[in-house]
C-alpha atoms as a PDB file:
ATOM      1  CA  MET A   1      14.585 -12.381 -40.668  1.00  0.00           C
ATOM      2  CA  PHE A   2      10.998 -11.044 -40.725  1.00  0.00           C
ATOM      3  CA  THR A   3       9.770 -14.650 -40.759  1.00  0.00           C
ATOM      4  CA  TYR A   4      11.183 -15.061 -37.251  1.00  0.00           C
ATOM      5  CA  PHE A   5       9.781 -11.801 -35.895  1.00  0.00           C
ATOM      6  CA  LYS A   6       6.277 -12.132 -37.364  1.00  0.00           C
ATOM      7  CA  PRO A   7       5.200 -15.107 -35.145  1.00  0.00           C
ATOM      8  CA  ALA A   8       6.827 -13.487 -32.105  1.00  0.00           C
ATOM      9  CA  LEU A   9       5.038 -10.186 -32.766  1.00  0.00           C
ATOM     10  CA  ILE A  10       1.687 -11.947 -33.287  1.00  0.00           C
ATOM     11  CA  LEU A  11       2.146 -13.989 -30.101  1.00  0.00           C
ATOM     12  CA  PHE A  12       3.216 -10.891 -28.155  1.00  0.00           C
ATOM     13  CA  THR A  13       0.120  -8.978 -29.350  1.00  0.00           C
ATOM     14  CA  LEU A  14      -2.201 -11.916 -28.662  1.00  0.00           C
ATOM     15  CA  MET A  15      -0.806 -12.508 -25.150  1.00  0.00           C
ATOM     16  CA  THR A  16      -0.929  -8.782 -24.368  1.00  0.00           C
ATOM     17  CA  LEU A  17      -4.598  -8.636 -25.338  1.00  0.00           C
ATOM     18  CA  LEU A  18      -5.373 -11.859 -23.503  1.00  0.00           C
ATOM     19  CA  THR A  19      -3.477 -11.284 -20.246  1.00  0.00           C
ATOM     20  CA  GLY A  20      -3.372  -7.487 -20.221  1.00  0.00           C
ATOM     21  CA  VAL A  21      -6.919  -6.693 -21.357  1.00  0.00           C
ATOM     22  CA  ALA A  22      -9.327  -9.656 -21.512  1.00  0.00           C
ATOM     23  CA  TYR A  23      -8.335 -11.385 -18.259  1.00  0.00           C
ATOM     24  CA  PRO A  24      -8.341  -8.202 -16.091  1.00  0.00           C
ATOM     25  CA  LEU A  25     -11.715  -7.169 -17.544  1.00  0.00           C
ATOM     26  CA  LEU A  26     -13.153 -10.623 -16.841  1.00  0.00           C
ATOM     27  CA  VAL A  27     -11.848 -10.747 -13.259  1.00  0.00           C
ATOM     28  CA  THR A  28     -12.957  -7.169 -12.536  1.00  0.00           C
ATOM     29  CA  GLY A  29     -16.395  -7.824 -14.014  1.00  0.00           C
ATOM     30  CA  LEU A  30     -16.845 -11.009 -11.969  1.00  0.00           C
ATOM     31  CA  ALA A  31     -15.651  -9.245  -8.806  1.00  0.00           C
ATOM     32  CA  HIS A  32     -18.164  -6.440  -9.302  1.00  0.00           C
ATOM     33  CA  LEU A  33     -20.897  -8.989  -9.951  1.00  0.00           C
ATOM     34  CA  VAL A  34     -20.151 -11.277  -6.990  1.00  0.00           C
ATOM     35  CA  PHE A  35     -18.618  -8.826  -4.464  1.00  0.00           C
ATOM     36  CA  PRO A  36     -19.674  -5.314  -5.560  1.00  0.00           C
ATOM     37  CA  ARG A  37     -18.845  -3.521  -2.286  1.00  0.00           C
ATOM     38  CA  GLN A  38     -15.410  -5.097  -1.901  1.00  0.00           C
ATOM     39  CA  ALA A  39     -14.524  -4.678  -5.597  1.00  0.00           C
ATOM     40  CA  SER A  40     -15.261  -0.968  -5.255  1.00  0.00           C
ATOM     41  CA  GLY A  41     -12.804  -0.593  -2.373  1.00  0.00           C
ATOM     42  CA  SER A  42     -15.048  -1.304   0.671  1.00  0.00           C
ATOM     43  CA  LEU A  43     -15.847   2.406   0.856  1.00  0.00           C
ATOM     44  CA  ILE A  44     -17.403   4.001   3.932  1.00  0.00           C
ATOM     45  CA  THR A  45     -19.804   6.911   3.523  1.00  0.00           C
ATOM     46  CA  ASN A  46     -20.881   9.480   6.081  1.00  0.00           C
ATOM     47  CA  HIS A  47     -24.510  10.236   6.918  1.00  0.00           C
ATOM     48  CA  GLY A  48     -24.655  12.672   3.996  1.00  0.00           C
ATOM     49  CA  GLY A  49     -23.680   9.900   1.570  1.00  0.00           C
ATOM     50  CA  ASN A  50     -20.178  11.250   0.898  1.00  0.00           C
ATOM     51  CA  VAL A  51     -17.277   8.788   0.743  1.00  0.00           C
ATOM     52  CA  VAL A  52     -15.000   9.414   3.728  1.00  0.00           C
ATOM     53  CA  GLY A  53     -12.668   6.431   3.533  1.00  0.00           C
ATOM     54  CA  SER A  54     -12.300   2.701   3.176  1.00  0.00           C
ATOM     55  CA  ASN A  55     -13.055  -0.089   5.590  1.00  0.00           C
ATOM     56  CA  LEU A  56      -9.618  -1.482   4.751  1.00  0.00           C
ATOM     57  CA  ILE A  57      -7.277   1.498   5.247  1.00  0.00           C
ATOM     58  CA  GLY A  58      -6.853   3.416   8.494  1.00  0.00           C
ATOM     59  CA  GLN A  59      -6.938   7.176   8.882  1.00  0.00           C
ATOM     60  CA  ALA A  60      -5.135   9.496  11.238  1.00  0.00           C
ATOM     61  CA  PHE A  61      -7.339  11.054  13.916  1.00  0.00           C
ATOM     62  CA  GLY A  62      -5.531  13.649  16.000  1.00  0.00           C
ATOM     63  CA  ASN A  63      -8.509  15.331  17.656  1.00  0.00           C
ATOM     64  CA  PRO A  64      -8.692  14.033  21.263  1.00  0.00           C
ATOM     65  CA  SER A  65     -12.506  13.906  21.118  1.00  0.00           C
ATOM     66  CA  TYR A  66     -12.271  11.018  18.626  1.00  0.00           C
ATOM     67  CA  PHE A  67     -11.006   7.470  18.944  1.00  0.00           C
ATOM     68  CA  TRP A  68      -7.418   7.119  17.775  1.00  0.00           C
ATOM     69  CA  GLY A  69      -6.243   4.171  15.692  1.00  0.00           C
ATOM     70  CA  ARG A  70      -2.988   2.285  15.638  1.00  0.00           C
ATOM     71  CA  PRO A  71       0.098   4.308  14.854  1.00  0.00           C
ATOM     72  CA  SER A  72       1.237   4.121  11.234  1.00  0.00           C
ATOM     73  CA  ALA A  73       4.829   3.708  10.078  1.00  0.00           C
ATOM     74  CA  THR A  74       4.184   4.752   6.467  1.00  0.00           C
ATOM     75  CA  SER A  75       5.868   7.817   5.034  1.00  0.00           C
ATOM     76  CA  PRO A  76       5.829  10.645   4.180  1.00  0.00           C
ATOM     77  CA  TYR A  77       2.509  10.749   6.088  1.00  0.00           C
ATOM     78  CA  PRO A  78       0.535   8.256   8.221  1.00  0.00           C
ATOM     79  CA  TYR A  79      -1.698   5.688   6.487  1.00  0.00           C
ATOM     80  CA  ASN A  80      -0.151   6.364   3.074  1.00  0.00           C
ATOM     81  CA  ALA A  81      -1.666   3.505   1.054  1.00  0.00           C
ATOM     82  CA  GLY A  82       0.932   4.039  -1.662  1.00  0.00           C
ATOM     83  CA  ALA A  83       3.775   3.311   0.754  1.00  0.00           C
ATOM     84  CA  SER A  84       2.581   0.456   2.917  1.00  0.00           C
ATOM     85  CA  SER A  85       5.298  -0.581   5.346  1.00  0.00           C
ATOM     86  CA  GLY A  86       6.106  -1.403   8.905  1.00  0.00           C
ATOM     87  CA  SER A  87       8.821   0.215  10.955  1.00  0.00           C
ATOM     88  CA  ASN A  88      11.145  -2.812  10.587  1.00  0.00           C
ATOM     89  CA  LEU A  89      12.417  -2.157  14.106  1.00  0.00           C
ATOM     90  CA  GLY A  90      12.992  -5.321  16.119  1.00  0.00           C
ATOM     91  CA  PRO A  91      11.547  -5.802  19.616  1.00  0.00           C
ATOM     92  CA  THR A  92      14.902  -5.160  21.303  1.00  0.00           C
ATOM     93  CA  ASN A  93      15.783  -2.086  19.246  1.00  0.00           C
ATOM     94  CA  PRO A  94      16.284   0.908  21.588  1.00  0.00           C
ATOM     95  CA  VAL A  95      14.757   3.247  18.987  1.00  0.00           C
ATOM     96  CA  LEU A  96      11.524   1.211  19.070  1.00  0.00           C
ATOM     97  CA  MET A  97      11.528   1.330  22.870  1.00  0.00           C
ATOM     98  CA  ASP A  98      11.882   5.124  22.779  1.00  0.00           C
ATOM     99  CA  ILE A  99       9.067   5.457  20.222  1.00  0.00           C
ATOM    100  CA  MET A 100       6.721   3.269  22.289  1.00  0.00           C
ATOM    101  CA  LYS A 101       7.572   5.179  25.479  1.00  0.00           C
ATOM    102  CA  ALA A 102       6.781   8.468  23.710  1.00  0.00           C
ATOM    103  CA  ARG A 103       3.436   7.038  22.506  1.00  0.00           C
ATOM    104  CA  ILE A 104       2.560   5.891  26.021  1.00  0.00           C
ATOM    105  CA  ASP A 105       3.472   9.322  27.396  1.00  0.00           C
ATOM    106  CA  SER A 106       1.302  11.063  24.801  1.00  0.00           C
ATOM    107  CA  LEU A 107      -1.699   8.794  25.511  1.00  0.00           C
ATOM    108  CA  GLN A 108      -1.320   9.358  29.256  1.00  0.00           C
ATOM    109  CA  ALA A 109      -0.951  13.120  28.744  1.00  0.00           C
ATOM    110  CA  ALA A 110      -4.205  13.177  26.757  1.00  0.00           C
ATOM    111  CA  ASP A 111      -6.037  11.476  29.665  1.00  0.00           C
ATOM    112  CA  PRO A 112      -3.997  11.909  32.877  1.00  0.00           C
ATOM    113  CA  ASP A 113      -6.762  10.433  35.084  1.00  0.00           C
ATOM    114  CA  ASN A 114      -6.663   7.126  33.198  1.00  0.00           C
ATOM    115  CA  LYS A 115      -4.388   4.795  35.153  1.00  0.00           C
ATOM    116  CA  ALA A 116      -5.137   1.677  33.068  1.00  0.00           C
ATOM    117  CA  VAL A 117      -2.381  -0.136  31.218  1.00  0.00           C
ATOM    118  CA  VAL A 118      -2.107   1.144  27.646  1.00  0.00           C
ATOM    119  CA  PRO A 119      -3.105  -1.632  25.198  1.00  0.00           C
ATOM    120  CA  VAL A 120      -0.253  -2.688  22.938  1.00  0.00           C
ATOM    121  CA  ASP A 121      -2.124  -1.918  19.705  1.00  0.00           C
ATOM    122  CA  LEU A 122      -2.225   1.783  20.610  1.00  0.00           C
ATOM    123  CA  ILE A 123       1.575   1.996  20.763  1.00  0.00           C
ATOM    124  CA  THR A 124       2.739  -0.407  18.034  1.00  0.00           C
ATOM    125  CA  THR A 125       2.309  -0.229  14.263  1.00  0.00           C
ATOM    126  CA  SER A 126       0.904  -3.027  12.163  1.00  0.00           C
ATOM    127  CA  ALA A 127       3.033  -4.772   9.528  1.00  0.00           C
ATOM    128  CA  SER A 128       1.410  -2.741   6.749  1.00  0.00           C
ATOM    129  CA  GLY A 129       1.097   0.550   8.619  1.00  0.00           C
ATOM    130  CA  LEU A 130      -2.469   0.782   7.278  1.00  0.00           C
ATOM    131  CA  ASP A 131      -4.483  -1.145   9.871  1.00  0.00           C
ATOM    132  CA  PRO A 132      -7.944   0.464  10.237  1.00  0.00           C
ATOM    133  CA  HIS A 133      -8.809  -1.486  13.390  1.00  0.00           C
ATOM    134  CA  ILE A 134      -7.981  -1.389  17.068  1.00  0.00           C
ATOM    135  CA  SER A 135      -8.785  -3.960  19.710  1.00  0.00           C
ATOM    136  CA  PRO A 136     -11.884  -3.537  21.887  1.00  0.00           C
ATOM    137  CA  ALA A 137      -9.417  -2.941  24.761  1.00  0.00           C
ATOM    138  CA  GLY A 138      -7.783  -0.148  22.734  1.00  0.00           C
ATOM    139  CA  ALA A 139     -11.171   1.483  22.207  1.00  0.00           C
ATOM    140  CA  ASP A 140     -12.168   1.003  25.856  1.00  0.00           C
ATOM    141  CA  TYR A 141      -8.916   2.640  27.004  1.00  0.00           C
ATOM    142  CA  GLN A 142      -9.984   5.822  25.188  1.00  0.00           C
ATOM    143  CA  VAL A 143     -13.591   5.932  26.450  1.00  0.00           C
ATOM    144  CA  SER A 144     -12.918   8.062  29.537  1.00  0.00           C
ATOM    145  CA  ARG A 145     -11.045  10.747  27.551  1.00  0.00           C
ATOM    146  CA  ILE A 146     -13.758  10.994  24.896  1.00  0.00           C
ATOM    147  CA  ALA A 147     -16.576  10.873  27.458  1.00  0.00           C
ATOM    148  CA  LYS A 148     -15.088  13.873  29.298  1.00  0.00           C
ATOM    149  CA  LEU A 149     -14.440  15.902  26.148  1.00  0.00           C
ATOM    150  CA  ARG A 150     -17.870  15.212  24.623  1.00  0.00           C
ATOM    151  CA  ASN A 151     -19.796  15.195  27.891  1.00  0.00           C
ATOM    152  CA  ILE A 152     -21.216  11.732  27.173  1.00  0.00           C
ATOM    153  CA  ALA A 153     -21.764   8.962  29.708  1.00  0.00           C
ATOM    154  CA  PRO A 154     -18.906   6.439  29.485  1.00  0.00           C
ATOM    155  CA  GLU A 155     -21.344   3.513  29.422  1.00  0.00           C
ATOM    156  CA  LYS A 156     -23.034   4.999  26.350  1.00  0.00           C
ATOM    157  CA  LEU A 157     -19.639   5.044  24.614  1.00  0.00           C
ATOM    158  CA  ARG A 158     -18.904   1.484  25.715  1.00  0.00           C
ATOM    159  CA  GLU A 159     -22.227   0.400  24.180  1.00  0.00           C
ATOM    160  CA  LEU A 160     -21.179   2.129  20.950  1.00  0.00           C
ATOM    161  CA  VAL A 161     -17.850   0.276  21.007  1.00  0.00           C
ATOM    162  CA  ARG A 162     -19.619  -3.055  21.610  1.00  0.00           C
ATOM    163  CA  ALA A 163     -22.007  -2.336  18.727  1.00  0.00           C
ATOM    164  CA  HIS A 164     -19.054  -1.700  16.395  1.00  0.00           C
ATOM    165  CA  THR A 165     -16.937  -4.641  17.536  1.00  0.00           C
ATOM    166  CA  GLU A 166     -16.425  -7.171  14.760  1.00  0.00           C
ATOM    167  CA  GLU A 167     -15.966 -10.744  15.941  1.00  0.00           C
ATOM    168  CA  ARG A 168     -13.391 -13.234  14.677  1.00  0.00           C
ATOM    169  CA  GLN A 169     -13.866 -14.111  11.030  1.00  0.00           C
ATOM    170  CA  TRP A 170     -15.977 -17.271  10.924  1.00  0.00           C
ATOM    171  CA  ARG A 171     -15.446 -17.404  14.722  1.00  0.00           C
ATOM    172  CA  LEU A 172     -12.016 -18.836  13.998  1.00  0.00           C
ATOM    173  CA  PHE A 173      -9.564 -16.374  12.429  1.00  0.00           C
ATOM    174  CA  GLY A 174      -8.153 -13.158  13.852  1.00  0.00           C
ATOM    175  CA  GLU A 175      -9.213 -11.315  16.959  1.00  0.00           C
ATOM    176  CA  PRO A 176     -12.234  -9.124  17.796  1.00  0.00           C
ATOM    177  CA  ARG A 177     -11.633  -5.660  16.377  1.00  0.00           C
ATOM    178  CA  VAL A 178     -13.182  -2.220  16.010  1.00  0.00           C
ATOM    179  CA  ASN A 179     -12.977  -0.171  12.810  1.00  0.00           C
ATOM    180  CA  VAL A 180     -11.906   3.294  14.001  1.00  0.00           C
ATOM    181  CA  LEU A 181     -13.428   5.252  11.102  1.00  0.00           C
ATOM    182  CA  ALA A 182     -16.816   3.547  11.413  1.00  0.00           C
ATOM    183  CA  LEU A 183     -16.738   4.060  15.200  1.00  0.00           C
ATOM    184  CA  ASN A 184     -15.901   7.763  14.858  1.00  0.00           C
ATOM    185  CA  LEU A 185     -18.680   8.286  12.306  1.00  0.00           C
ATOM    186  CA  ALA A 186     -21.138   6.697  14.740  1.00  0.00           C
ATOM    187  CA  LEU A 187     -19.670   8.818  17.531  1.00  0.00           C
ATOM    188  CA  ASP A 188     -20.643  11.973  15.653  1.00  0.00           C
ATOM    189  CA  THR A 189     -24.315  10.907  15.727  1.00  0.00           C
ATOM    190  CA  ILE A 190     -24.453  10.772  19.536  1.00  0.00           C
ATOM    191  CA  HIS A 191     -25.772  13.915  21.170  1.00  0.00           C
END
């Protein structure tokens, strides 16, 4: 009986070392060599050099003097990278309609003088619930609120948004977008 188990045990050990140790080490080493920033998590640091987040995962900003990102449907807290998920509510679901109406009401309450149409990305979650970006229109919608609270000229904030707007990837894929964390870090440098 041992003659049957010995080759299986040797093969199991060999494949475990090959696919569970050698291959991951090789891929990780190559990733750090070729794409060091991305392999380390695309981390964003503040002006003091401290890591404050990732370029790939959104963060909740509740303070009205900062730009707000897309809502997150993750639980038990927003932007929980360990529980990436969407709301799974269909476009005709009355619960989704109520949630979006409440989000519109809260955005309008934060800036009652703003009569512009609320951009859809400020009231809907992404499929992952972790999206770190908003559209340039979503950022522009928030400029008047932030300008009033920080006593900054709106055009200065619009220039900041334009400077932090990322174009389509290879001018072909996706849409122009603004990373909310990077924008808010730059916002803190304006006096």
